[in-house]
Every structure is written in structure tokens, then in C-alpha cells.
Amino acid sequence: MVHRWAKFLDTPTSEARSRGGLERWSLATQADDRSVQYAGQIAVIYRERLLVSVLPKNNLAYPARLSVGPKNIGTGFLCISAKNECFLVTARHVLLKDGLEIQQSVTCTSLASDLVSTVVLHLDCQSLSGSGYLKKHEKADVAVAKLGHREGDKVQLLEGIKKDESSTGTLVALPQDLIRTFDEAEVSCQIVLMGYPTSLGRSNQLDVTRPLLRHGIIAGKTADRRIVLDCPVYFGNSGSLVVEIRQEGKVVHYRAIGMAVEMIPFEEELRSNYRSATIERRWHNSGYSLVEPMDRILELF
């Protein structure tokens, strides 16, 4: 009988849930004392294992939509360093053409603290680079632009950065103490990816002023110290913030582990029926993606 309860409680039905939850249902059933006690313990374990968690709302204000030139769109996120300096973080290939030439200007749009209005910043990348405030990683696909210094709940912007007149809200940025390094990120942990994949959908299907979220897990780590996600990315997702969700006891922790920089493709070859040579090679999105860890981002702060 114990095993029958265990099997039922491991795969709860809508009937059990409708009677007020697994634990109440099991305790209200006719069974001997040992079975009821055992079933109740399983119900508690089941309930804690599936602890419902909702991403803190201010996390939605960390990602930024980057308009680079007339057509290109990418993603970045805002981060406050331990020295209270505010940075825009994104993939190197977003801010630099072919990874070499710095873009002339970038418009950065993120949700304000009220999650309704937006904060729009115009960056003169040439000016920031000349002042040493725009940096790129020599090996990793990472670039940062210093925006200013935080004083209280406001950021004093640097020269070369202009706040759009339409912006009325307060800038929100990820605190540096809410991160995990490459070594601290654990394979199989759940993650949420937040970005602006503007290559998706038809006109007016998506609200381009708000980030789009995807859910997955940390699928692995590479020899060159990058993180593999079981989560697809698309054009526009480069620079998307990745937040790890980890439950310790009854507490759920949300920590940034890095940013998505590229998809992992699946290659398909088409061969001729008459010759063994390949006549066409196609690349598909495998559903896996690569993440640059926070370690490499912090190196540029």
C-alpha cells in the first residue's frame, strides 16, 4: 500500500490537486497510520521540490535593447560594479563590426524601475572608446561601456552619453554581488535567459520595448570555460543576460551567470544520388547556446 501511495504522489492527478493539495488529500484518505504518515512525508517532499518561484520583477529592467546603426539590433544588460560604476555589458560582436571596428553610435533602451516607462540612452561609441570607457575583451566575445557613476538611486552619466528627453524613469542595474562565477555555476541548474530576439515574429506580434524570456538549464561547460545552455537563441539575443535559479532549502536564489553570445548549430549535409560529394550544407539551430561567464565580464570593470 505504501508503494501505491508513493507512485500516486510522484505523479499527482488533477483529482488529487482539486481536493486541496497532495498532503491534505493523502491525510484525508482511509489507510493505516503508517501509510498515511509515509504518504504525508512524500507529499511534503514533492511540494518542496516543486517550490513555485517567480523571477524578481526588477530583473526585467536589467536587459537592454541595443539599436546599432540603422538596422542591427542586439541585447545587452546594465550592471553596477562594486565601485558603484554603471556599465552596459554586451557581446563584442554587437558593438564592434566584425569584432574590429567600433560602431559609431548605439541607442540603449531598457525598462525603468516602474517596469512601464523606458530609459533611452544614446551612446557615442567613438568618444567613449577614445576616453577609455569602452573596452573589449581580447579573447572572449565580451565588451563593456562605462555609463557613469551611481549616486543614490541615480546614475551620473559620462560625457558622450545622452539621456533621451522621452525618458522619465529611473535606471535599474544588476548589482555585482548578485552573480555567480564560472566555477560556481552548476550543471543541471535552471536558468532564465532575457533578451530582445527581434528576428522572431511578424510585425506587431511582440512588444519590442520589453525583454522576451526563455527557460532552460545549464547543460554543460566547455574546455575554454564557457557555459552551454539547453536553451535556443536567435538573432538579436546576442548579449542576453542569463540568470541561474537555484533552490537551497526553502530559499530560491537568482544569480547572473553570464550572457548568451551564440547558438550551437546542427549541420546537415545534402549529397547527390550520383556522386558522393556534398552538394549543399545547411545549418540549423540545435537548441543549445553558448554563454560567456561573468568572470570575463568582471575583468573589464
C-alpha atoms as a PDB file:
ATOM      1  CA  MET A   1       0.000   0.000   0.000  1.00  0.00           C
ATOM      2  CA  VAL A   2       2.882   2.317   0.761  1.00  0.00           C
ATOM      3  CA  HIS A   3       4.266   1.817  -2.694  1.00  0.00           C
ATOM      4  CA  ARG A   4       0.880   2.568  -4.248  1.00  0.00           C
ATOM      5  CA  TRP A   5       0.749   5.889  -2.375  1.00  0.00           C
ATOM      6  CA  ALA A   6       4.332   6.709  -3.392  1.00  0.00           C
ATOM      7  CA  LYS A   7       3.592   6.108  -7.033  1.00  0.00           C
ATOM      8  CA  PHE A   8       0.444   8.218  -6.885  1.00  0.00           C
ATOM      9  CA  LEU A   9       2.118  11.103  -5.109  1.00  0.00           C
ATOM     10  CA  ASP A  10       5.038  11.118  -7.517  1.00  0.00           C
ATOM     11  CA  THR A  11       2.633  11.671 -10.420  1.00  0.00           C
ATOM     12  CA  PRO A  12      -0.277  13.668  -8.953  1.00  0.00           C
ATOM     13  CA  THR A  13      -3.541  13.844 -10.833  1.00  0.00           C
ATOM     14  CA  SER A  14      -5.837  16.809 -11.228  1.00  0.00           C
ATOM     15  CA  GLU A  15      -8.294  14.986  -8.959  1.00  0.00           C
ATOM     16  CA  ALA A  16      -5.778  14.974  -6.096  1.00  0.00           C
ATOM     17  CA  ARG A  17      -4.865  18.614  -6.616  1.00  0.00           C
ATOM     18  CA  SER A  18      -8.517  19.659  -6.718  1.00  0.00           C
ATOM     19  CA  ARG A  19      -9.079  18.241  -3.229  1.00  0.00           C
ATOM     20  CA  GLY A  20      -6.789  20.828  -1.666  1.00  0.00           C
ATOM     21  CA  GLY A  21      -3.262  19.620  -2.338  1.00  0.00           C
ATOM     22  CA  LEU A  22      -1.337  16.360  -2.065  1.00  0.00           C
ATOM     23  CA  GLU A  23      -0.694  16.428   1.667  1.00  0.00           C
ATOM     24  CA  ARG A  24      -4.312  17.154   2.670  1.00  0.00           C
ATOM     25  CA  TRP A  25      -5.582  14.589   0.184  1.00  0.00           C
ATOM     26  CA  SER A  26      -3.300  11.838   1.495  1.00  0.00           C
ATOM     27  CA  LEU A  27      -4.114  12.570   5.142  1.00  0.00           C
ATOM     28  CA  ALA A  28      -7.844  12.501   4.431  1.00  0.00           C
ATOM     29  CA  THR A  29      -7.730   9.044   2.864  1.00  0.00           C
ATOM     30  CA  GLN A  30      -8.635   5.782   4.542  1.00  0.00           C
ATOM     31  CA  ALA A  31      -5.393   3.945   5.266  1.00  0.00           C
ATOM     32  CA  ASP A  32      -3.429   2.617   8.195  1.00  0.00           C
ATOM     33  CA  ASP A  33      -1.351   5.055  10.246  1.00  0.00           C
ATOM     34  CA  ARG A  34       1.978   4.084   8.730  1.00  0.00           C
ATOM     35  CA  SER A  35       0.748   4.556   5.182  1.00  0.00           C
ATOM     36  CA  VAL A  36      -0.745   7.960   5.958  1.00  0.00           C
ATOM     37  CA  GLN A  37       2.432   9.124   7.667  1.00  0.00           C
ATOM     38  CA  TYR A  38       4.621   7.884   4.820  1.00  0.00           C
ATOM     39  CA  ALA A  39       2.363   9.410   2.162  1.00  0.00           C
ATOM     40  CA  GLY A  40       2.363  12.728   4.001  1.00  0.00           C
ATOM     41  CA  GLN A  41       6.172  12.791   4.016  1.00  0.00           C
ATOM     42  CA  ILE A  42       6.276  12.173   0.272  1.00  0.00           C
ATOM     43  CA  ALA A  43       3.750  14.938  -0.270  1.00  0.00           C
ATOM     44  CA  VAL A  44       5.903  17.424   1.651  1.00  0.00           C
ATOM     45  CA  ILE A  45       8.983  16.415  -0.326  1.00  0.00           C
ATOM     46  CA  TYR A  46       7.068  16.734  -3.580  1.00  0.00           C
ATOM     47  CA  ARG A  47       5.714  20.156  -2.621  1.00  0.00           C
ATOM     48  CA  GLU A  48       9.167  21.491  -1.655  1.00  0.00           C
ATOM     49  CA  ARG A  49      10.838  20.077  -4.735  1.00  0.00           C
ATOM     50  CA  LEU A  50       8.426  21.982  -6.962  1.00  0.00           C
ATOM     51  CA  LEU A  51       8.584  25.199  -4.949  1.00  0.00           C
ATOM     52  CA  VAL A  52       6.943  27.825  -7.129  1.00  0.00           C
ATOM     53  CA  SER A  53       9.273  30.741  -7.826  1.00  0.00           C
ATOM     54  CA  VAL A  54       8.773  33.935  -9.791  1.00  0.00           C
ATOM     55  CA  LEU A  55      11.654  35.972 -11.135  1.00  0.00           C
ATOM     56  CA  PRO A  56      12.005  39.214  -9.126  1.00  0.00           C
ATOM     57  CA  LYS A  57      10.370  41.926 -11.191  1.00  0.00           C
ATOM     58  CA  ASN A  58      13.348  44.281 -11.138  1.00  0.00           C
ATOM     59  CA  ASN A  59      15.279  41.635 -13.119  1.00  0.00           C
ATOM     60  CA  LEU A  60      13.200  42.595 -16.152  1.00  0.00           C
ATOM     61  CA  ALA A  61      14.809  46.049 -16.107  1.00  0.00           C
ATOM     62  CA  TYR A  62      18.380  44.722 -16.338  1.00  0.00           C
ATOM     63  CA  PRO A  63      18.328  43.755 -20.072  1.00  0.00           C
ATOM     64  CA  ALA A  64      18.671  46.495 -22.686  1.00  0.00           C
ATOM     65  CA  ARG A  65      17.673  46.611 -26.329  1.00  0.00           C
ATOM     66  CA  LEU A  66      20.573  47.893 -28.422  1.00  0.00           C
ATOM     67  CA  SER A  67      19.972  49.607 -31.759  1.00  0.00           C
ATOM     68  CA  VAL A  68      23.269  49.628 -33.606  1.00  0.00           C
ATOM     69  CA  GLY A  69      23.206  51.632 -36.814  1.00  0.00           C
ATOM     70  CA  PRO A  70      20.078  51.752 -38.976  1.00  0.00           C
ATOM     71  CA  LYS A  71      19.127  48.057 -38.906  1.00  0.00           C
ATOM     72  CA  ASN A  72      21.133  45.939 -36.452  1.00  0.00           C
ATOM     73  CA  ILE A  73      19.579  45.006 -33.130  1.00  0.00           C
ATOM     74  CA  GLY A  74      21.289  43.313 -30.205  1.00  0.00           C
ATOM     75  CA  THR A  75      20.880  42.854 -26.477  1.00  0.00           C
ATOM     76  CA  GLY A  76      22.923  43.958 -23.500  1.00  0.00           C
ATOM     77  CA  PHE A  77      22.363  44.405 -19.792  1.00  0.00           C
ATOM     78  CA  LEU A  78      23.133  47.026 -17.176  1.00  0.00           C
ATOM     79  CA  CYS A  79      25.373  46.208 -14.231  1.00  0.00           C
ATOM     80  CA  ILE A  80      26.638  48.123 -11.194  1.00  0.00           C
ATOM     81  CA  SER A  81      30.196  47.265 -10.132  1.00  0.00           C
ATOM     82  CA  ALA A  82      31.468  47.023  -6.568  1.00  0.00           C
ATOM     83  CA  LYS A  83      32.765  50.597  -7.005  1.00  0.00           C
ATOM     84  CA  ASN A  84      29.256  51.862  -7.897  1.00  0.00           C
ATOM     85  CA  GLU A  85      30.184  52.309 -11.549  1.00  0.00           C
ATOM     86  CA  CYS A  86      27.392  51.593 -14.032  1.00  0.00           C
ATOM     87  CA  PHE A  87      28.246  49.559 -17.143  1.00  0.00           C
ATOM     88  CA  LEU A  88      26.490  48.433 -20.284  1.00  0.00           C
ATOM     89  CA  VAL A  89      27.546  44.839 -20.975  1.00  0.00           C
ATOM     90  CA  THR A  90      27.084  43.131 -24.318  1.00  0.00           C
ATOM     91  CA  ALA A  91      28.736  40.811 -26.822  1.00  0.00           C
ATOM     92  CA  ARG A  92      31.815  42.195 -28.539  1.00  0.00           C
ATOM     93  CA  HIS A  93      30.392  41.473 -31.985  1.00  0.00           C
ATOM     94  CA  VAL A  94      27.398  43.727 -31.189  1.00  0.00           C
ATOM     95  CA  LEU A  95      29.466  46.875 -30.505  1.00  0.00           C
ATOM     96  CA  LEU A  96      32.248  46.154 -32.986  1.00  0.00           C
ATOM     97  CA  LYS A  97      31.809  45.488 -36.689  1.00  0.00           C
ATOM     98  CA  ASP A  98      33.380  42.103 -37.434  1.00  0.00           C
ATOM     99  CA  GLY A  99      34.894  42.299 -33.960  1.00  0.00           C
ATOM    100  CA  LEU A 100      37.286  45.047 -35.033  1.00  0.00           C
ATOM    101  CA  GLU A 101      35.778  48.408 -35.963  1.00  0.00           C
ATOM    102  CA  ILE A 102      33.871  50.268 -33.256  1.00  0.00           C
ATOM    103  CA  GLN A 103      30.319  51.278 -34.130  1.00  0.00           C
ATOM    104  CA  GLN A 104      29.653  54.999 -34.391  1.00  0.00           C
ATOM    105  CA  SER A 105      26.666  55.136 -32.066  1.00  0.00           C
ATOM    106  CA  VAL A 106      24.329  52.877 -30.096  1.00  0.00           C
ATOM    107  CA  THR A 107      20.882  53.535 -28.661  1.00  0.00           C
ATOM    108  CA  CYS A 108      20.279  51.650 -25.426  1.00  0.00           C
ATOM    109  CA  THR A 109      16.665  51.139 -24.283  1.00  0.00           C
ATOM    110  CA  SER A 110      15.703  49.428 -21.018  1.00  0.00           C
ATOM    111  CA  LEU A 111      12.693  49.315 -18.731  1.00  0.00           C
ATOM    112  CA  ALA A 112      12.680  51.847 -15.902  1.00  0.00           C
ATOM    113  CA  SER A 113      12.155  50.977 -12.247  1.00  0.00           C
ATOM    114  CA  ASP A 114       8.365  51.097 -12.652  1.00  0.00           C
ATOM    115  CA  LEU A 115       8.597  48.480 -15.455  1.00  0.00           C
ATOM    116  CA  VAL A 116       6.258  50.602 -17.562  1.00  0.00           C
ATOM    117  CA  SER A 117       8.264  53.568 -18.818  1.00  0.00           C
ATOM    118  CA  THR A 118      11.635  53.209 -20.541  1.00  0.00           C
ATOM    119  CA  VAL A 119      15.072  54.744 -20.179  1.00  0.00           C
ATOM    120  CA  VAL A 120      16.704  55.564 -23.523  1.00  0.00           C
ATOM    121  CA  LEU A 121      20.405  56.384 -23.711  1.00  0.00           C
ATOM    122  CA  HIS A 122      22.364  57.460 -26.795  1.00  0.00           C
ATOM    123  CA  LEU A 123      25.995  56.359 -26.721  1.00  0.00           C
ATOM    124  CA  ASP A 124      28.759  57.960 -28.755  1.00  0.00           C
ATOM    125  CA  CYS A 125      30.940  54.875 -29.010  1.00  0.00           C
ATOM    126  CA  GLN A 126      33.830  56.655 -30.682  1.00  0.00           C
ATOM    127  CA  SER A 127      34.004  59.190 -27.861  1.00  0.00           C
ATOM    128  CA  LEU A 128      33.715  56.534 -25.152  1.00  0.00           C
ATOM    129  CA  SER A 129      36.427  54.436 -26.779  1.00  0.00           C
ATOM    130  CA  GLY A 130      38.764  57.433 -27.056  1.00  0.00           C
ATOM    131  CA  SER A 131      38.288  58.146 -23.331  1.00  0.00           C
ATOM    132  CA  GLY A 132      38.939  54.532 -22.382  1.00  0.00           C
ATOM    133  CA  TYR A 133      35.355  53.919 -21.269  1.00  0.00           C
ATOM    134  CA  LEU A 134      34.544  51.356 -23.968  1.00  0.00           C
ATOM    135  CA  LYS A 135      36.534  48.156 -23.636  1.00  0.00           C
ATOM    136  CA  LYS A 136      36.579  44.825 -25.427  1.00  0.00           C
ATOM    137  CA  HIS A 137      37.907  41.509 -24.194  1.00  0.00           C
ATOM    138  CA  GLU A 138      40.913  40.348 -26.182  1.00  0.00           C
ATOM    139  CA  LYS A 139      39.845  36.689 -26.269  1.00  0.00           C
ATOM    140  CA  ALA A 140      36.197  36.459 -25.230  1.00  0.00           C
ATOM    141  CA  ASP A 141      33.130  37.786 -27.046  1.00  0.00           C
ATOM    142  CA  VAL A 142      32.622  40.478 -24.393  1.00  0.00           C
ATOM    143  CA  ALA A 143      32.548  44.279 -24.453  1.00  0.00           C
ATOM    144  CA  VAL A 144      31.554  46.855 -21.842  1.00  0.00           C
ATOM    145  CA  ALA A 145      30.838  50.579 -21.944  1.00  0.00           C
ATOM    146  CA  LYS A 146      31.011  52.615 -18.767  1.00  0.00           C
ATOM    147  CA  LEU A 147      27.903  54.774 -18.476  1.00  0.00           C
ATOM    148  CA  GLY A 148      28.606  56.677 -15.292  1.00  0.00           C
ATOM    149  CA  HIS A 149      28.706  56.547 -11.501  1.00  0.00           C
ATOM    150  CA  ARG A 150      25.797  55.728  -9.250  1.00  0.00           C
ATOM    151  CA  GLU A 151      24.907  58.261  -6.576  1.00  0.00           C
ATOM    152  CA  GLY A 152      21.947  57.146  -4.510  1.00  0.00           C
ATOM    153  CA  ASP A 153      19.292  55.823  -6.885  1.00  0.00           C
ATOM    154  CA  LYS A 154      20.551  57.844  -9.852  1.00  0.00           C
ATOM    155  CA  VAL A 155      23.426  57.422 -12.295  1.00  0.00           C
ATOM    156  CA  GLN A 156      25.530  60.446 -13.225  1.00  0.00           C
ATOM    157  CA  LEU A 157      26.180  59.885 -16.916  1.00  0.00           C
ATOM    158  CA  LEU A 158      29.543  60.406 -18.556  1.00  0.00           C
ATOM    159  CA  GLU A 159      30.257  62.765 -21.408  1.00  0.00           C
ATOM    160  CA  GLY A 160      29.430  61.000 -24.646  1.00  0.00           C
ATOM    161  CA  ILE A 161      26.175  59.592 -23.251  1.00  0.00           C
ATOM    162  CA  LYS A 162      22.884  61.457 -23.574  1.00  0.00           C
ATOM    163  CA  LYS A 163      19.606  60.557 -21.953  1.00  0.00           C
ATOM    164  CA  ASP A 164      16.697  60.868 -24.346  1.00  0.00           C
ATOM    165  CA  GLU A 165      14.179  63.589 -23.497  1.00  0.00           C
ATOM    166  CA  SER A 166      11.399  60.998 -23.581  1.00  0.00           C
ATOM    167  CA  SER A 167      12.967  59.112 -20.649  1.00  0.00           C
ATOM    168  CA  THR A 168      11.262  59.811 -17.342  1.00  0.00           C
ATOM    169  CA  GLY A 169      12.025  56.717 -15.251  1.00  0.00           C
ATOM    170  CA  THR A 170      14.949  55.619 -13.105  1.00  0.00           C
ATOM    171  CA  LEU A 171      17.710  53.396 -14.473  1.00  0.00           C
ATOM    172  CA  VAL A 172      17.926  49.919 -12.897  1.00  0.00           C
ATOM    173  CA  ALA A 173      21.082  47.786 -12.995  1.00  0.00           C
ATOM    174  CA  LEU A 174      22.213  44.369 -11.784  1.00  0.00           C
ATOM    175  CA  PRO A 175      24.309  44.632  -8.584  1.00  0.00           C
ATOM    176  CA  GLN A 176      27.674  42.898  -8.842  1.00  0.00           C
ATOM    177  CA  ASP A 177      27.041  40.912  -5.664  1.00  0.00           C
ATOM    178  CA  LEU A 178      24.162  39.047  -7.362  1.00  0.00           C
ATOM    179  CA  ILE A 179      26.355  36.962  -9.661  1.00  0.00           C
ATOM    180  CA  ARG A 180      27.951  33.538  -9.829  1.00  0.00           C
ATOM    181  CA  THR A 181      31.301  32.794 -11.439  1.00  0.00           C
ATOM    182  CA  PHE A 182      32.013  30.024 -13.948  1.00  0.00           C
ATOM    183  CA  ASP A 183      33.135  27.654 -11.194  1.00  0.00           C
ATOM    184  CA  GLU A 184      30.098  28.429  -9.036  1.00  0.00           C
ATOM    185  CA  ALA A 185      27.539  27.800 -11.802  1.00  0.00           C
ATOM    186  CA  GLU A 186      26.297  24.219 -11.561  1.00  0.00           C
ATOM    187  CA  VAL A 187      25.376  21.934 -14.437  1.00  0.00           C
ATOM    188  CA  SER A 188      21.649  20.989 -14.452  1.00  0.00           C
ATOM    189  CA  CYS A 189      20.569  24.191 -12.637  1.00  0.00           C
ATOM    190  CA  GLN A 190      17.602  26.008 -14.131  1.00  0.00           C
ATOM    191  CA  ILE A 191      18.151  29.302 -15.933  1.00  0.00           C
ATOM    192  CA  VAL A 192      16.180  32.160 -17.446  1.00  0.00           C
ATOM    193  CA  LEU A 193      17.516  33.992 -20.494  1.00  0.00           C
ATOM    194  CA  MET A 194      16.323  37.570 -21.063  1.00  0.00           C
ATOM    195  CA  GLY A 195      16.845  39.401 -24.332  1.00  0.00           C
ATOM    196  CA  TYR A 196      15.440  41.072 -27.414  1.00  0.00           C
ATOM    197  CA  PRO A 197      15.314  38.485 -30.243  1.00  0.00           C
ATOM    198  CA  THR A 198      13.845  40.891 -32.785  1.00  0.00           C
ATOM    199  CA  SER A 199      14.333  38.370 -35.583  1.00  0.00           C
ATOM    200  CA  LEU A 200      11.335  36.465 -34.226  1.00  0.00           C
ATOM    201  CA  GLY A 201       7.717  37.023 -35.082  1.00  0.00           C
ATOM    202  CA  ARG A 202       5.845  39.166 -37.546  1.00  0.00           C
ATOM    203  CA  SER A 203       5.096  42.859 -37.261  1.00  0.00           C
ATOM    204  CA  ASN A 204       3.288  43.806 -34.035  1.00  0.00           C
ATOM    205  CA  GLN A 205       3.331  40.259 -32.635  1.00  0.00           C
ATOM    206  CA  LEU A 206       5.817  41.168 -29.890  1.00  0.00           C
ATOM    207  CA  ASP A 207       6.315  44.243 -27.729  1.00  0.00           C
ATOM    208  CA  VAL A 208       9.866  45.254 -28.662  1.00  0.00           C
ATOM    209  CA  THR A 209      10.136  47.530 -25.620  1.00  0.00           C
ATOM    210  CA  ARG A 210      10.066  44.566 -23.227  1.00  0.00           C
ATOM    211  CA  PRO A 211      12.523  41.667 -22.983  1.00  0.00           C
ATOM    212  CA  LEU A 212      11.448  38.189 -24.034  1.00  0.00           C
ATOM    213  CA  LEU A 213      12.281  35.353 -21.661  1.00  0.00           C
ATOM    214  CA  ARG A 214      13.254  31.739 -22.281  1.00  0.00           C
ATOM    215  CA  HIS A 215      13.706  28.937 -19.773  1.00  0.00           C
ATOM    216  CA  GLY A 216      16.266  26.133 -19.812  1.00  0.00           C
ATOM    217  CA  ILE A 217      19.078  24.510 -17.860  1.00  0.00           C
ATOM    218  CA  ILE A 218      22.864  24.645 -17.689  1.00  0.00           C
ATOM    219  CA  ALA A 219      23.622  21.706 -19.954  1.00  0.00           C
ATOM    220  CA  GLY A 220      27.408  21.698 -19.635  1.00  0.00           C
ATOM    221  CA  LYS A 221      30.684  23.584 -19.663  1.00  0.00           C
ATOM    222  CA  THR A 222      33.359  23.809 -22.343  1.00  0.00           C
ATOM    223  CA  ALA A 223      37.124  23.356 -22.144  1.00  0.00           C
ATOM    224  CA  ASP A 224      37.609  27.068 -22.891  1.00  0.00           C
ATOM    225  CA  ARG A 225      35.439  27.961 -19.862  1.00  0.00           C
ATOM    226  CA  ARG A 226      32.160  28.855 -21.476  1.00  0.00           C
ATOM    227  CA  ILE A 227      28.736  27.666 -20.341  1.00  0.00           C
ATOM    228  CA  VAL A 228      26.412  25.569 -22.507  1.00  0.00           C
ATOM    229  CA  LEU A 229      22.666  26.120 -22.181  1.00  0.00           C
ATOM    230  CA  ASP A 230      19.850  23.842 -23.222  1.00  0.00           C
ATOM    231  CA  CYS A 231      18.073  26.955 -24.473  1.00  0.00           C
ATOM    232  CA  PRO A 232      17.889  28.301 -28.045  1.00  0.00           C
ATOM    233  CA  VAL A 233      18.925  31.819 -29.021  1.00  0.00           C
ATOM    234  CA  TYR A 234      18.196  33.774 -32.192  1.00  0.00           C
ATOM    235  CA  PHE A 235      19.372  36.913 -33.968  1.00  0.00           C
ATOM    236  CA  GLY A 236      19.056  39.766 -31.512  1.00  0.00           C
ATOM    237  CA  ASN A 237      19.732  37.563 -28.477  1.00  0.00           C
ATOM    238  CA  SER A 238      23.487  38.235 -28.509  1.00  0.00           C
ATOM    239  CA  GLY A 239      24.307  39.809 -25.163  1.00  0.00           C
ATOM    240  CA  SER A 240      21.236  38.425 -23.373  1.00  0.00           C
ATOM    241  CA  LEU A 241      21.501  38.161 -19.604  1.00  0.00           C
ATOM    242  CA  VAL A 242      21.375  34.633 -18.176  1.00  0.00           C
ATOM    243  CA  VAL A 243      20.125  34.174 -14.611  1.00  0.00           C
ATOM    244  CA  GLU A 244      20.570  30.926 -12.711  1.00  0.00           C
ATOM    245  CA  ILE A 245      17.714  29.786 -10.435  1.00  0.00           C
ATOM    246  CA  ARG A 246      18.860  27.639  -7.557  1.00  0.00           C
ATOM    247  CA  GLN A 247      16.834  26.402  -4.598  1.00  0.00           C
ATOM    248  CA  GLU A 248      18.624  25.860  -1.287  1.00  0.00           C
ATOM    249  CA  GLY A 249      16.190  24.523   1.294  1.00  0.00           C
ATOM    250  CA  LYS A 250      13.118  26.723   1.072  1.00  0.00           C
ATOM    251  CA  VAL A 251      15.014  29.702  -0.343  1.00  0.00           C
ATOM    252  CA  VAL A 252      15.307  30.374  -4.079  1.00  0.00           C
ATOM    253  CA  HIS A 253      18.373  32.314  -5.241  1.00  0.00           C
ATOM    254  CA  TYR A 254      18.624  34.237  -8.521  1.00  0.00           C
ATOM    255  CA  ARG A 255      22.160  34.909  -9.711  1.00  0.00           C
ATOM    256  CA  ALA A 256      23.534  36.158 -13.031  1.00  0.00           C
ATOM    257  CA  ILE A 257      25.999  33.693 -14.558  1.00  0.00           C
ATOM    258  CA  GLY A 258      26.816  35.455 -17.837  1.00  0.00           C
ATOM    259  CA  MET A 259      25.428  36.429 -21.228  1.00  0.00           C
ATOM    260  CA  ALA A 260      24.485  34.464 -24.319  1.00  0.00           C
ATOM    261  CA  VAL A 261      26.732  35.084 -27.329  1.00  0.00           C
ATOM    262  CA  GLU A 262      25.965  32.458 -29.972  1.00  0.00           C
ATOM    263  CA  MET A 263      23.938  29.407 -30.858  1.00  0.00           C
ATOM    264  CA  ILE A 264      25.397  25.943 -31.295  1.00  0.00           C
ATOM    265  CA  PRO A 265      24.428  24.831 -34.807  1.00  0.00           C
ATOM    266  CA  PHE A 266      23.385  21.453 -36.115  1.00  0.00           C
ATOM    267  CA  GLU A 267      24.944  20.786 -39.519  1.00  0.00           C
ATOM    268  CA  GLU A 268      23.083  18.897 -42.234  1.00  0.00           C
ATOM    269  CA  GLU A 269      24.710  17.722 -45.451  1.00  0.00           C
ATOM    270  CA  LEU A 270      22.827  17.026 -48.689  1.00  0.00           C
ATOM    271  CA  ARG A 271      24.544  14.630 -51.050  1.00  0.00           C
ATOM    272  CA  SER A 272      23.979  13.803 -54.696  1.00  0.00           C
ATOM    273  CA  ASN A 273      22.408  10.441 -55.623  1.00  0.00           C
ATOM    274  CA  TYR A 274      25.005  10.025 -58.354  1.00  0.00           C
ATOM    275  CA  ARG A 275      28.091  11.335 -56.624  1.00  0.00           C
ATOM    276  CA  SER A 276      29.383  11.067 -53.121  1.00  0.00           C
ATOM    277  CA  ALA A 277      30.238  14.753 -52.984  1.00  0.00           C
ATOM    278  CA  THR A 278      28.267  17.156 -50.800  1.00  0.00           C
ATOM    279  CA  ILE A 279      26.105  19.466 -52.901  1.00  0.00           C
ATOM    280  CA  GLU A 280      24.690  21.573 -50.081  1.00  0.00           C
ATOM    281  CA  ARG A 281      25.323  22.189 -46.388  1.00  0.00           C
ATOM    282  CA  ARG A 282      22.635  23.564 -44.117  1.00  0.00           C
ATOM    283  CA  TRP A 283      22.918  24.941 -40.601  1.00  0.00           C
ATOM    284  CA  HIS A 284      20.064  24.654 -38.124  1.00  0.00           C
ATOM    285  CA  ASN A 285      19.556  25.906 -34.591  1.00  0.00           C
ATOM    286  CA  SER A 286      20.286  22.919 -32.333  1.00  0.00           C
ATOM    287  CA  GLY A 287      18.525  24.428 -29.312  1.00  0.00           C
ATOM    288  CA  TYR A 288      21.816  24.763 -27.442  1.00  0.00           C
ATOM    289  CA  SER A 289      23.679  28.036 -26.931  1.00  0.00           C
ATOM    290  CA  LEU A 290      26.964  29.355 -25.533  1.00  0.00           C
ATOM    291  CA  VAL A 291      27.385  31.804 -22.663  1.00  0.00           C
ATOM    292  CA  GLU A 292      30.360  33.947 -21.723  1.00  0.00           C
ATOM    293  CA  PRO A 293      30.648  33.709 -17.912  1.00  0.00           C
ATOM    294  CA  MET A 294      30.546  36.681 -15.550  1.00  0.00           C
ATOM    295  CA  ASP A 295      34.256  36.184 -14.800  1.00  0.00           C
ATOM    296  CA  ARG A 296      35.236  37.582 -18.201  1.00  0.00           C
ATOM    297  CA  ILE A 297      32.842  40.484 -17.845  1.00  0.00           C
ATOM    298  CA  LEU A 298      34.265  41.473 -14.458  1.00  0.00           C
ATOM    299  CA  GLU A 299      37.766  41.528 -15.958  1.00  0.00           C
ATOM    300  CA  LEU A 300      36.749  44.634 -17.915  1.00  0.00           C
ATOM    301  CA  PHE A 301      35.209  46.539 -14.994  1.00  0.00           C
END
